[in-house]
Amino acid sequence: MATWQDFEHEAPDLAPLVRARFEANKHHVLATLRKDGSPRVSGTEVEFVGADLWIGSMYGAVKARELQRDARFALHAHPGDETMAGGDSKVSGRAVEVTDETELAAFAADLPEPPPTPFHAFRLELDQVVHTALEGDHLLVFNWHPGRPVERIQVH
């Protein structure tokens, strides 16, 4: 697993493209796992704070309870309009809940607006980042895993 900062160091050309997709819109789609293993999708917002990519949640929300039980997640950046301008980005890995009050206070202090309390905060540990873009009549897929070079796939 890797932090957002690790991803930036290992994939310096790809990281700004992915970050731009997450910063282009406020709302994104988070996939978590229900108790029976089936997927659930929820809307969520992301924050880049320190070395990490974070998601927050209202206290006791279903998505927070699911991540507490099974930390695996997939997060799809809002894809924008049908033109795919700027591409399409997804990250996946494990969401680690931060419960230390000092760390939560520092996280909240770095946000543009403080969240209503109490709240859940999850630091996202990345095991895959995918960015898809159109270049002319070609589809380009950039795939990254920690410790490996970015794989570039071109589809005609």
Protein backbone atom coordinates (compact mmCIF):
# COMPACT_ATOMS: atom_id res chain seq x y z
CA MET A 1 0.00 0.00 0.00
CA ALA A 2 1.12 3.55 -0.65
CA THR A 3 0.28 7.07 0.45
CA TRP A 4 -0.73 9.72 -2.04
CA GLN A 5 2.75 11.20 -1.61
CA ASP A 6 4.32 7.82 -2.49
CA PHE A 7 2.22 7.77 -5.66
CA GLU A 8 3.37 11.31 -6.53
CA HIS A 9 7.02 10.25 -6.16
CA GLU A 10 6.64 7.03 -8.12
CA ALA A 11 4.40 8.40 -10.89
CA PRO A 12 5.20 12.14 -11.17
CA ASP A 13 3.63 12.50 -14.62
CA LEU A 14 0.44 10.61 -13.75
CA ALA A 15 -0.28 11.97 -10.26
CA PRO A 16 -1.18 15.53 -11.38
CA LEU A 17 -3.66 14.18 -13.95
CA VAL A 18 -5.42 12.06 -11.34
CA ARG A 19 -5.41 14.80 -8.73
CA ALA A 20 -6.89 17.24 -11.26
CA ARG A 21 -9.81 14.84 -11.87
CA PHE A 22 -10.54 14.61 -8.14
CA GLU A 23 -10.25 18.37 -7.70
CA ALA A 24 -12.39 19.21 -10.77
CA ASN A 25 -15.63 18.25 -9.00
CA LYS A 26 -16.76 18.04 -5.41
CA HIS A 27 -18.62 14.72 -5.47
CA HIS A 28 -17.24 11.30 -6.38
CA VAL A 29 -18.38 7.68 -6.18
CA LEU A 30 -17.09 5.40 -3.42
CA ALA A 31 -17.55 1.62 -3.57
CA THR A 32 -17.53 -0.33 -0.30
CA LEU A 33 -18.45 -3.88 0.59
CA ARG A 34 -21.62 -4.93 2.39
CA LYS A 35 -21.55 -7.71 5.01
CA ASP A 36 -22.53 -10.25 2.34
CA GLY A 37 -19.66 -9.10 0.09
CA SER A 38 -21.80 -7.35 -2.47
CA PRO A 39 -20.79 -3.83 -3.49
CA ARG A 40 -22.44 -0.61 -2.38
CA VAL A 41 -21.78 2.77 -3.98
CA SER A 42 -22.07 6.05 -2.13
CA GLY A 43 -21.34 9.66 -2.89
CA THR A 44 -18.31 11.10 -1.15
CA GLU A 45 -15.90 14.02 -1.15
CA VAL A 46 -12.12 13.77 -0.99
CA GLU A 47 -9.42 15.91 0.55
CA PHE A 48 -5.69 16.07 -0.10
CA VAL A 49 -4.15 16.73 3.32
CA GLY A 50 -0.46 16.28 4.03
CA ALA A 51 0.93 13.17 2.36
CA ASP A 52 -2.48 11.56 2.03
CA LEU A 53 -5.76 11.37 0.19
CA TRP A 54 -8.67 11.33 2.67
CA ILE A 55 -12.39 10.78 2.77
CA GLY A 56 -14.67 11.81 5.59
CA SER A 57 -18.10 10.67 6.62
CA MET A 58 -20.95 11.68 8.85
CA TYR A 59 -20.68 9.83 12.13
CA GLY A 60 -22.28 6.38 11.99
CA ALA A 61 -22.98 6.49 8.24
CA VAL A 62 -23.33 3.15 6.44
CA LYS A 63 -20.22 3.72 4.31
CA ALA A 64 -18.15 4.43 7.44
CA ARG A 65 -19.42 1.29 9.16
CA GLU A 66 -18.65 -0.75 6.05
CA LEU A 67 -15.09 0.61 5.87
CA GLN A 68 -14.60 -0.12 9.57
CA ARG A 69 -15.62 -3.73 8.94
CA ASP A 70 -13.79 -4.20 5.62
CA ALA A 71 -11.34 -1.47 4.64
CA ARG A 72 -11.26 -2.29 0.92
CA PHE A 73 -12.58 0.48 -1.31
CA ALA A 74 -12.67 1.76 -4.88
CA LEU A 75 -13.12 5.44 -5.60
CA HIS A 76 -14.12 6.85 -8.99
CA ALA A 77 -13.57 10.55 -9.63
CA HIS A 78 -16.60 12.36 -11.03
CA PRO A 79 -16.15 11.76 -14.76
CA GLY A 80 -17.33 15.18 -15.89
CA ASP A 81 -19.24 15.44 -19.13
CA GLU A 82 -19.41 12.99 -22.01
CA THR A 83 -16.32 14.44 -23.70
CA MET A 84 -13.95 12.86 -21.14
CA ALA A 85 -12.03 16.14 -21.07
CA GLY A 86 -9.27 15.65 -18.53
CA GLY A 87 -9.72 11.89 -18.54
CA ASP A 88 -11.25 9.50 -16.05
CA SER A 89 -9.55 8.47 -12.78
CA LYS A 90 -10.01 5.71 -10.23
CA VAL A 91 -8.10 4.69 -7.10
CA SER A 92 -8.44 1.61 -4.92
CA GLY A 93 -6.89 0.19 -1.80
CA ARG A 94 -7.67 0.28 1.92
CA ALA A 95 -9.28 3.03 3.97
CA VAL A 96 -7.68 3.38 7.40
CA GLU A 97 -9.83 5.14 9.96
CA VAL A 98 -8.05 7.75 12.02
CA THR A 99 -9.40 7.85 15.56
CA ASP A 100 -6.66 9.70 17.43
CA GLU A 101 -8.21 12.99 18.60
CA THR A 102 -5.03 15.01 17.98
CA GLU A 103 -4.68 13.68 14.44
CA LEU A 104 -8.39 14.25 13.74
CA ALA A 105 -8.10 17.84 14.98
CA ALA A 106 -5.07 18.43 12.74
CA PHE A 107 -6.93 16.92 9.78
CA ALA A 108 -10.01 19.10 10.41
CA ALA A 109 -7.83 22.21 10.79
CA ASP A 110 -6.43 21.66 7.27
CA LEU A 111 -9.89 21.56 5.66
CA PRO A 112 -11.46 24.59 3.95
CA GLU A 113 -14.48 24.20 6.26
CA PRO A 114 -14.47 22.23 9.51
CA PRO A 115 -16.71 19.14 9.38
CA PRO A 116 -19.67 18.79 11.75
CA THR A 117 -18.63 16.79 14.78
CA PRO A 118 -18.45 13.98 15.46
CA PHE A 119 -17.18 12.61 12.14
CA HIS A 120 -15.21 9.74 10.65
CA ALA A 121 -11.97 10.35 8.73
CA PHE A 122 -10.25 7.72 6.62
CA ARG A 123 -6.74 7.93 5.19
CA LEU A 124 -6.65 6.11 1.85
CA GLU A 125 -3.82 3.65 1.31
CA LEU A 126 -3.46 3.06 -2.42
CA ASP A 127 -2.79 -0.22 -4.17
CA GLN A 128 -3.89 0.85 -7.66
CA VAL A 129 -4.46 4.06 -9.61
CA VAL A 130 -5.96 4.04 -13.12
CA HIS A 131 -6.35 7.01 -15.42
CA THR A 132 -8.05 6.69 -18.81
CA ALA A 133 -7.88 9.38 -21.48
CA LEU A 134 -8.75 9.90 -25.12
CA GLU A 135 -6.00 10.94 -27.50
CA GLY A 136 -7.36 11.42 -30.99
CA ASP A 137 -9.13 8.16 -31.80
CA HIS A 138 -7.08 6.18 -29.26
CA LEU A 139 -7.96 5.25 -25.73
CA LEU A 140 -5.01 5.48 -23.33
CA VAL A 141 -5.01 3.65 -20.02
CA PHE A 142 -2.37 4.41 -17.39
CA ASN A 143 -2.18 1.82 -14.61
CA TRP A 144 -0.02 2.17 -11.48
CA HIS A 145 0.70 -0.15 -8.56
CA PRO A 146 3.10 0.67 -5.70
CA GLY A 147 6.72 -0.16 -6.50
CA ARG A 148 6.08 -0.70 -10.21
CA PRO A 149 6.43 1.64 -13.17
CA VAL A 150 3.29 3.09 -14.73
CA GLU A 151 1.89 0.77 -17.36
CA ARG A 152 0.66 2.58 -20.50
CA ILE A 153 -1.87 0.74 -22.65
CA GLN A 154 -3.05 2.19 -25.96
CA VAL A 155 -6.27 0.86 -27.48
CA HIS A 156 -7.07 1.67 -31.11
